[in-house]
Amino acid sequence: MKRSHTVLQLTVCLLVILFFYTALSKLMDIGQFEKQLRNQVLPGWAVVPLLWLIPISELIVTELLIFKKTRLAGLYGALIMMVVFTAYIGLVYLNVFNRVPCGCGGVIKNMGFGAHLVFNFFFLILSVVGIYMFHADKKGGAVTASGR
């Protein structure tokens, strides 16, 4: 139980740092983020909703991860967001689009798309590990509480 709890805590910390950092970097330079969104292969009408939806969703996932009662929802939220972001980067990496958009902020913007894909896969796998460890930790806690 102790090992799964430690792995879960580390996983949650890394995900909180990732989602809080990415949300903060977008919100601190919202004008740059809007330019990056306008360069994406998105319909024009989607830019303004995504301008706010993405960083707010990242902050919501961060908050859900912080509190024990909502942690599992946060882990699933992180997983869903990482699947979407990783799929998008994968499509860019495979040259599915007729141009290479760049919509990453902060330190991530300096990565090539191959490195970014690996980075995203790492956090996607981390989300899955977090969900698994959450259940293992919960199961271990239930066993300890019942005296078995």
N, C-alpha and C. Protein backbone atom coordinates (compact mmCIF):
# COMPACT_ATOMS: atom_id res chain seq x y z
N MET A 1 0.83 -1.19 0.00
CA MET A 1 0.00 0.00 0.00
C MET A 1 0.87 1.25 0.00
N LYS A 2 1.92 1.24 0.77
CA LYS A 2 2.75 2.43 0.88
C LYS A 2 3.36 2.80 -0.48
N ARG A 3 3.82 1.79 -1.21
CA ARG A 3 4.43 2.05 -2.51
C ARG A 3 3.42 2.65 -3.50
N SER A 4 2.21 2.08 -3.55
CA SER A 4 1.20 2.62 -4.48
C SER A 4 0.81 4.03 -4.08
N HIS A 5 0.77 4.30 -2.79
CA HIS A 5 0.44 5.66 -2.33
C HIS A 5 1.53 6.65 -2.74
N THR A 6 2.79 6.25 -2.59
CA THR A 6 3.91 7.12 -2.97
C THR A 6 3.90 7.38 -4.48
N VAL A 7 3.70 6.34 -5.26
CA VAL A 7 3.65 6.49 -6.72
C VAL A 7 2.47 7.39 -7.11
N LEU A 8 1.34 7.20 -6.45
CA LEU A 8 0.17 8.03 -6.73
C LEU A 8 0.46 9.49 -6.40
N GLN A 9 1.06 9.76 -5.26
CA GLN A 9 1.36 11.13 -4.87
C GLN A 9 2.31 11.78 -5.87
N LEU A 10 3.35 11.06 -6.27
CA LEU A 10 4.31 11.59 -7.25
C LEU A 10 3.63 11.86 -8.59
N THR A 11 2.79 10.93 -9.01
CA THR A 11 2.05 11.08 -10.27
C THR A 11 1.16 12.31 -10.23
N VAL A 12 0.42 12.46 -9.15
CA VAL A 12 -0.48 13.61 -9.00
C VAL A 12 0.32 14.90 -9.00
N CYS A 13 1.45 14.93 -8.29
CA CYS A 13 2.29 16.14 -8.27
C CYS A 13 2.76 16.52 -9.67
N LEU A 14 3.22 15.55 -10.42
CA LEU A 14 3.69 15.84 -11.79
C LEU A 14 2.56 16.35 -12.67
N LEU A 15 1.39 15.73 -12.56
CA LEU A 15 0.25 16.18 -13.36
C LEU A 15 -0.23 17.57 -12.95
N VAL A 16 -0.22 17.85 -11.65
CA VAL A 16 -0.61 19.18 -11.17
C VAL A 16 0.36 20.23 -11.73
N ILE A 17 1.65 19.94 -11.65
CA ILE A 17 2.64 20.88 -12.18
C ILE A 17 2.41 21.11 -13.67
N LEU A 18 2.22 20.03 -14.42
CA LEU A 18 2.00 20.15 -15.87
C LEU A 18 0.78 21.00 -16.18
N PHE A 19 -0.36 20.64 -15.62
CA PHE A 19 -1.60 21.34 -15.99
C PHE A 19 -1.65 22.77 -15.45
N PHE A 20 -1.12 22.99 -14.26
CA PHE A 20 -1.10 24.35 -13.73
C PHE A 20 -0.15 25.22 -14.54
N TYR A 21 1.02 24.70 -14.86
CA TYR A 21 2.00 25.45 -15.66
C TYR A 21 1.46 25.79 -17.04
N THR A 22 0.86 24.82 -17.70
CA THR A 22 0.37 25.09 -19.06
C THR A 22 -0.79 26.08 -19.05
N ALA A 23 -1.68 25.96 -18.06
CA ALA A 23 -2.79 26.92 -17.96
C ALA A 23 -2.26 28.31 -17.68
N LEU A 24 -1.35 28.40 -16.73
CA LEU A 24 -0.80 29.70 -16.35
C LEU A 24 -0.05 30.35 -17.50
N SER A 25 0.72 29.58 -18.25
CA SER A 25 1.47 30.16 -19.37
C SER A 25 0.53 30.68 -20.45
N LYS A 26 -0.59 30.01 -20.66
CA LYS A 26 -1.58 30.48 -21.64
C LYS A 26 -2.26 31.76 -21.15
N LEU A 27 -2.67 31.76 -19.88
CA LEU A 27 -3.40 32.91 -19.35
C LEU A 27 -2.52 34.14 -19.16
N MET A 28 -1.24 33.92 -18.88
CA MET A 28 -0.33 35.06 -18.69
C MET A 28 -0.02 35.77 -20.00
N ASP A 29 -0.11 35.05 -21.11
CA ASP A 29 0.10 35.68 -22.42
C ASP A 29 -1.04 35.25 -23.34
N ILE A 30 -2.24 35.69 -22.97
CA ILE A 30 -3.45 35.28 -23.68
C ILE A 30 -3.42 35.72 -25.15
N GLY A 31 -2.80 36.86 -25.41
CA GLY A 31 -2.69 37.35 -26.80
C GLY A 31 -1.88 36.40 -27.66
N GLN A 32 -0.76 35.94 -27.13
CA GLN A 32 0.08 34.99 -27.86
C GLN A 32 -0.65 33.66 -28.04
N PHE A 33 -1.36 33.23 -26.99
CA PHE A 33 -2.11 31.98 -27.09
C PHE A 33 -3.19 32.10 -28.17
N GLU A 34 -3.85 33.25 -28.25
CA GLU A 34 -4.86 33.46 -29.29
C GLU A 34 -4.23 33.39 -30.68
N LYS A 35 -3.06 34.00 -30.86
CA LYS A 35 -2.35 33.92 -32.16
C LYS A 35 -2.03 32.47 -32.50
N GLN A 36 -1.58 31.72 -31.50
CA GLN A 36 -1.26 30.32 -31.73
C GLN A 36 -2.50 29.52 -32.12
N LEU A 37 -3.62 29.79 -31.47
CA LEU A 37 -4.86 29.10 -31.82
C LEU A 37 -5.31 29.45 -33.23
N ARG A 38 -5.15 30.71 -33.60
CA ARG A 38 -5.55 31.13 -34.96
C ARG A 38 -4.68 30.48 -36.03
N ASN A 39 -3.49 30.02 -35.67
CA ASN A 39 -2.61 29.34 -36.61
C ASN A 39 -2.92 27.85 -36.70
N GLN A 40 -3.80 27.36 -35.85
CA GLN A 40 -4.15 25.94 -35.86
C GLN A 40 -5.10 25.63 -37.02
N VAL A 41 -5.23 24.38 -37.30
CA VAL A 41 -6.16 23.94 -38.35
C VAL A 41 -7.54 23.76 -37.72
N LEU A 42 -8.08 24.87 -37.26
CA LEU A 42 -9.39 24.91 -36.61
C LEU A 42 -10.29 25.88 -37.35
N PRO A 43 -11.59 25.66 -37.30
CA PRO A 43 -12.48 26.67 -37.86
C PRO A 43 -12.36 27.96 -37.04
N GLY A 44 -12.47 29.09 -37.69
CA GLY A 44 -12.32 30.38 -37.03
C GLY A 44 -13.22 30.58 -35.83
N TRP A 45 -14.44 30.05 -35.91
CA TRP A 45 -15.40 30.24 -34.82
C TRP A 45 -14.97 29.52 -33.54
N ALA A 46 -14.07 28.54 -33.64
CA ALA A 46 -13.66 27.75 -32.48
C ALA A 46 -12.57 28.42 -31.64
N VAL A 47 -11.92 29.42 -32.20
CA VAL A 47 -10.77 30.03 -31.52
C VAL A 47 -11.14 30.65 -30.18
N VAL A 48 -12.14 31.52 -30.15
CA VAL A 48 -12.48 32.22 -28.90
C VAL A 48 -12.96 31.25 -27.81
N PRO A 49 -13.85 30.30 -28.12
CA PRO A 49 -14.22 29.36 -27.06
C PRO A 49 -13.02 28.55 -26.54
N LEU A 50 -12.14 28.10 -27.44
CA LEU A 50 -10.98 27.32 -27.02
C LEU A 50 -9.96 28.17 -26.26
N LEU A 51 -9.92 29.45 -26.57
CA LEU A 51 -9.01 30.38 -25.89
C LEU A 51 -9.23 30.33 -24.38
N TRP A 52 -10.48 30.19 -23.99
CA TRP A 52 -10.81 30.13 -22.57
C TRP A 52 -11.04 28.70 -22.08
N LEU A 53 -11.61 27.86 -22.93
CA LEU A 53 -11.93 26.49 -22.52
C LEU A 53 -10.69 25.68 -22.16
N ILE A 54 -9.64 25.79 -22.93
CA ILE A 54 -8.45 24.98 -22.69
C ILE A 54 -7.79 25.33 -21.35
N PRO A 55 -7.41 26.60 -21.11
CA PRO A 55 -6.76 26.87 -19.82
C PRO A 55 -7.69 26.68 -18.62
N ILE A 56 -8.96 26.99 -18.77
CA ILE A 56 -9.90 26.78 -17.66
C ILE A 56 -10.03 25.29 -17.37
N SER A 57 -10.08 24.46 -18.41
CA SER A 57 -10.13 23.00 -18.22
C SER A 57 -8.86 22.50 -17.54
N GLU A 58 -7.73 23.05 -17.91
CA GLU A 58 -6.48 22.65 -17.27
C GLU A 58 -6.48 23.04 -15.78
N LEU A 59 -7.03 24.20 -15.46
CA LEU A 59 -7.12 24.61 -14.06
C LEU A 59 -8.11 23.75 -13.28
N ILE A 60 -9.21 23.37 -13.92
CA ILE A 60 -10.19 22.50 -13.27
C ILE A 60 -9.56 21.14 -12.97
N VAL A 61 -8.84 20.59 -13.94
CA VAL A 61 -8.16 19.31 -13.73
C VAL A 61 -7.15 19.45 -12.59
N THR A 62 -6.42 20.55 -12.56
CA THR A 62 -5.46 20.80 -11.48
C THR A 62 -6.17 20.78 -10.12
N GLU A 63 -7.27 21.49 -10.03
CA GLU A 63 -8.00 21.55 -8.76
C GLU A 63 -8.55 20.19 -8.36
N LEU A 64 -9.09 19.46 -9.33
CA LEU A 64 -9.62 18.13 -9.04
C LEU A 64 -8.52 17.19 -8.53
N LEU A 65 -7.33 17.33 -9.08
CA LEU A 65 -6.22 16.47 -8.67
C LEU A 65 -5.74 16.77 -7.25
N ILE A 66 -5.86 18.01 -6.84
CA ILE A 66 -5.34 18.42 -5.54
C ILE A 66 -6.10 17.80 -4.38
N PHE A 67 -7.40 17.69 -4.51
CA PHE A 67 -8.23 17.22 -3.40
C PHE A 67 -8.50 15.73 -3.51
N LYS A 68 -8.33 15.02 -2.38
CA LYS A 68 -8.50 13.56 -2.38
C LYS A 68 -9.87 13.12 -2.86
N LYS A 69 -10.91 13.85 -2.46
CA LYS A 69 -12.28 13.44 -2.83
C LYS A 69 -12.54 13.53 -4.33
N THR A 70 -11.80 14.40 -5.02
CA THR A 70 -12.03 14.59 -6.46
C THR A 70 -10.85 14.09 -7.31
N ARG A 71 -9.88 13.47 -6.66
CA ARG A 71 -8.64 13.08 -7.35
C ARG A 71 -8.89 12.13 -8.51
N LEU A 72 -9.76 11.14 -8.34
CA LEU A 72 -10.01 10.20 -9.43
C LEU A 72 -10.61 10.92 -10.64
N ALA A 73 -11.53 11.83 -10.40
CA ALA A 73 -12.10 12.63 -11.51
C ALA A 73 -10.99 13.44 -12.18
N GLY A 74 -10.07 13.98 -11.40
CA GLY A 74 -8.95 14.73 -11.95
C GLY A 74 -8.03 13.86 -12.78
N LEU A 75 -7.80 12.64 -12.33
CA LEU A 75 -6.96 11.71 -13.09
C LEU A 75 -7.62 11.35 -14.42
N TYR A 76 -8.93 11.11 -14.39
CA TYR A 76 -9.63 10.83 -15.65
C TYR A 76 -9.66 12.07 -16.55
N GLY A 77 -9.83 13.25 -15.97
CA GLY A 77 -9.77 14.48 -16.75
C GLY A 77 -8.40 14.66 -17.40
N ALA A 78 -7.34 14.40 -16.63
CA ALA A 78 -5.98 14.48 -17.17
C ALA A 78 -5.80 13.48 -18.31
N LEU A 79 -6.31 12.27 -18.12
CA LEU A 79 -6.20 11.25 -19.16
C LEU A 79 -6.90 11.69 -20.44
N ILE A 80 -8.11 12.18 -20.32
CA ILE A 80 -8.87 12.62 -21.50
C ILE A 80 -8.13 13.75 -22.22
N MET A 81 -7.66 14.74 -21.45
CA MET A 81 -6.96 15.86 -22.08
C MET A 81 -5.66 15.39 -22.74
N MET A 82 -4.95 14.48 -22.09
CA MET A 82 -3.69 14.00 -22.68
C MET A 82 -3.95 13.16 -23.93
N VAL A 83 -5.05 12.41 -23.96
CA VAL A 83 -5.38 11.65 -25.17
C VAL A 83 -5.65 12.62 -26.32
N VAL A 84 -6.42 13.66 -26.06
CA VAL A 84 -6.74 14.64 -27.11
C VAL A 84 -5.48 15.37 -27.58
N PHE A 85 -4.69 15.87 -26.64
CA PHE A 85 -3.48 16.61 -27.00
C PHE A 85 -2.47 15.71 -27.72
N THR A 86 -2.33 14.47 -27.25
CA THR A 86 -1.38 13.54 -27.87
C THR A 86 -1.84 13.13 -29.26
N ALA A 87 -3.12 12.91 -29.43
CA ALA A 87 -3.65 12.57 -30.76
C ALA A 87 -3.39 13.72 -31.73
N TYR A 88 -3.62 14.94 -31.28
CA TYR A 88 -3.39 16.11 -32.13
C TYR A 88 -1.92 16.23 -32.52
N ILE A 89 -1.03 16.11 -31.54
CA ILE A 89 0.41 16.19 -31.84
C ILE A 89 0.82 15.04 -32.75
N GLY A 90 0.24 13.86 -32.53
CA GLY A 90 0.52 12.72 -33.41
C GLY A 90 0.12 13.00 -34.85
N LEU A 91 -1.03 13.63 -35.04
CA LEU A 91 -1.47 13.98 -36.40
C LEU A 91 -0.53 15.00 -37.03
N VAL A 92 -0.09 15.96 -36.23
CA VAL A 92 0.88 16.95 -36.73
C VAL A 92 2.17 16.24 -37.12
N TYR A 93 2.64 15.36 -36.25
CA TYR A 93 3.89 14.63 -36.48
C TYR A 93 3.81 13.78 -37.74
N LEU A 94 2.63 13.24 -38.02
CA LEU A 94 2.44 12.39 -39.21
C LEU A 94 2.13 13.20 -40.47
N ASN A 95 2.22 14.53 -40.38
CA ASN A 95 1.99 15.44 -41.52
C ASN A 95 0.59 15.31 -42.10
N VAL A 96 -0.40 15.12 -41.25
CA VAL A 96 -1.78 15.02 -41.70
C VAL A 96 -2.28 16.38 -42.19
N PHE A 97 -1.78 17.44 -41.60
CA PHE A 97 -2.21 18.79 -41.96
C PHE A 97 -1.29 19.37 -43.04
N ASN A 98 -1.81 20.31 -43.81
CA ASN A 98 -1.03 20.87 -44.91
C ASN A 98 0.01 21.88 -44.44
N ARG A 99 0.02 22.20 -43.17
CA ARG A 99 1.05 23.08 -42.59
C ARG A 99 1.28 22.61 -41.15
N VAL A 100 2.38 23.05 -40.59
CA VAL A 100 2.71 22.66 -39.23
C VAL A 100 2.33 23.80 -38.29
N PRO A 101 1.23 23.63 -37.57
CA PRO A 101 0.84 24.65 -36.61
C PRO A 101 1.69 24.54 -35.35
N CYS A 102 1.83 25.61 -34.65
CA CYS A 102 2.55 25.57 -33.38
C CYS A 102 1.70 26.27 -32.35
N GLY A 103 1.19 25.52 -31.38
CA GLY A 103 0.33 26.12 -30.38
C GLY A 103 0.77 25.83 -28.96
N CYS A 104 2.03 25.53 -28.80
CA CYS A 104 2.50 25.16 -27.48
C CYS A 104 3.10 26.37 -26.80
N GLY A 105 2.98 26.40 -25.50
CA GLY A 105 3.51 27.53 -24.76
C GLY A 105 4.60 27.12 -23.80
N GLY A 106 5.25 28.12 -23.23
CA GLY A 106 6.27 27.88 -22.21
C GLY A 106 7.43 27.08 -22.75
N VAL A 107 7.99 26.23 -21.92
CA VAL A 107 9.15 25.41 -22.27
C VAL A 107 8.83 24.45 -23.40
N ILE A 108 7.59 23.99 -23.46
CA ILE A 108 7.18 22.99 -24.45
C ILE A 108 7.33 23.52 -25.87
N LYS A 109 7.19 24.84 -26.06
CA LYS A 109 7.27 25.39 -27.41
C LYS A 109 8.64 25.19 -28.05
N ASN A 110 9.66 24.93 -27.25
CA ASN A 110 11.01 24.73 -27.78
C ASN A 110 11.26 23.30 -28.22
N MET A 111 10.31 22.41 -27.99
CA MET A 111 10.45 21.01 -28.40
C MET A 111 10.04 20.85 -29.85
N GLY A 112 10.67 19.91 -30.53
CA GLY A 112 10.17 19.52 -31.83
C GLY A 112 8.93 18.66 -31.62
N PHE A 113 8.22 18.39 -32.71
CA PHE A 113 6.98 17.61 -32.56
C PHE A 113 7.25 16.17 -32.14
N GLY A 114 8.39 15.60 -32.52
CA GLY A 114 8.74 14.25 -32.07
C GLY A 114 8.95 14.20 -30.56
N ALA A 115 9.72 15.17 -30.05
CA ALA A 115 9.95 15.24 -28.60
C ALA A 115 8.65 15.55 -27.86
N HIS A 116 7.83 16.40 -28.46
CA HIS A 116 6.55 16.75 -27.83
C HIS A 116 5.63 15.53 -27.77
N LEU A 117 5.68 14.72 -28.80
CA LEU A 117 4.86 13.50 -28.82
C LEU A 117 5.31 12.55 -27.69
N VAL A 118 6.61 12.39 -27.51
CA VAL A 118 7.13 11.54 -26.43
C VAL A 118 6.75 12.13 -25.08
N PHE A 119 6.89 13.44 -24.93
CA PHE A 119 6.51 14.14 -23.70
C PHE A 119 5.03 13.89 -23.37
N ASN A 120 4.18 14.03 -24.39
CA ASN A 120 2.75 13.81 -24.18
C ASN A 120 2.45 12.35 -23.84
N PHE A 121 3.11 11.42 -24.53
CA PHE A 121 2.91 10.00 -24.22
C PHE A 121 3.30 9.71 -22.77
N PHE A 122 4.38 10.33 -22.31
CA PHE A 122 4.82 10.13 -20.93
C PHE A 122 3.70 10.54 -19.96
N PHE A 123 3.11 11.73 -20.18
CA PHE A 123 2.07 12.20 -19.28
C PHE A 123 0.75 11.45 -19.48
N LEU A 124 0.51 10.96 -20.68
CA LEU A 124 -0.67 10.12 -20.90
C LEU A 124 -0.52 8.82 -20.10
N ILE A 125 0.64 8.19 -20.20
CA ILE A 125 0.90 6.96 -19.45
C ILE A 125 0.87 7.24 -17.95
N LEU A 126 1.40 8.37 -17.55
CA LEU A 126 1.38 8.76 -16.14
C LEU A 126 -0.06 8.87 -15.63
N SER A 127 -0.95 9.38 -16.46
CA SER A 127 -2.37 9.48 -16.07
C SER A 127 -2.97 8.09 -15.86
N VAL A 128 -2.65 7.16 -16.76
CA VAL A 128 -3.14 5.78 -16.62
C VAL A 128 -2.57 5.14 -15.35
N VAL A 129 -1.27 5.35 -15.12
CA VAL A 129 -0.64 4.82 -13.91
C VAL A 129 -1.30 5.42 -12.67
N GLY A 130 -1.60 6.71 -12.71
CA GLY A 130 -2.26 7.36 -11.59
C GLY A 130 -3.62 6.75 -11.29
N ILE A 131 -4.39 6.47 -12.32
CA ILE A 131 -5.70 5.85 -12.13
C ILE A 131 -5.54 4.45 -11.53
N TYR A 132 -4.60 3.71 -12.05
CA TYR A 132 -4.34 2.36 -11.52
C TYR A 132 -3.90 2.43 -10.06
N MET A 133 -2.97 3.33 -9.76
CA MET A 133 -2.46 3.47 -8.39
C MET A 133 -3.54 4.00 -7.44
N PHE A 134 -4.43 4.83 -7.95
CA PHE A 134 -5.52 5.33 -7.12
C PHE A 134 -6.36 4.14 -6.63
N HIS A 135 -6.69 3.25 -7.57
CA HIS A 135 -7.49 2.08 -7.21
C HIS A 135 -6.70 1.13 -6.31
N ALA A 136 -5.40 0.96 -6.59
CA ALA A 136 -4.57 0.08 -5.76
C ALA A 136 -4.44 0.66 -4.36
N ASP A 137 -4.27 1.96 -4.27
CA ASP A 137 -4.14 2.63 -2.97
C ASP A 137 -5.44 2.52 -2.19
N LYS A 138 -6.55 2.71 -2.89
CA LYS A 138 -7.87 2.62 -2.25
C LYS A 138 -8.13 1.19 -1.76
N LYS A 139 -7.79 0.23 -2.59
CA LYS A 139 -7.97 -1.17 -2.24
C LYS A 139 -7.09 -1.54 -1.05
N GLY A 140 -5.85 -1.08 -1.07
CA GLY A 140 -4.93 -1.33 0.03
C GLY A 140 -5.41 -0.70 1.31
N GLY A 141 -5.97 0.51 1.22
CA GLY A 141 -6.51 1.20 2.39
C GLY A 141 -7.71 0.48 2.96
N ALA A 142 -8.55 -0.08 2.07
CA ALA A 142 -9.75 -0.80 2.53
C ALA A 142 -9.34 -2.07 3.25
N VAL A 143 -8.31 -2.74 2.74
CA VAL A 143 -7.85 -3.97 3.38
C VAL A 143 -7.29 -3.66 4.76
N THR A 144 -6.49 -2.59 4.85
CA THR A 144 -5.89 -2.21 6.13
C THR A 144 -6.98 -1.81 7.13
N ALA A 145 -7.98 -1.08 6.68
CA ALA A 145 -9.04 -0.61 7.57
C ALA A 145 -9.87 -1.76 8.12
N SER A 146 -10.00 -2.82 7.35
CA SER A 146 -10.83 -3.94 7.81
C SER A 146 -10.03 -4.91 8.68
N GLY A 147 -8.71 -4.68 8.77
CA GLY A 147 -7.89 -5.51 9.62
C GLY A 147 -7.36 -6.76 8.95
N ARG A 148 -7.53 -6.90 7.64
CA ARG A 148 -7.02 -8.08 6.91
C ARG A 148 -5.60 -7.87 6.49
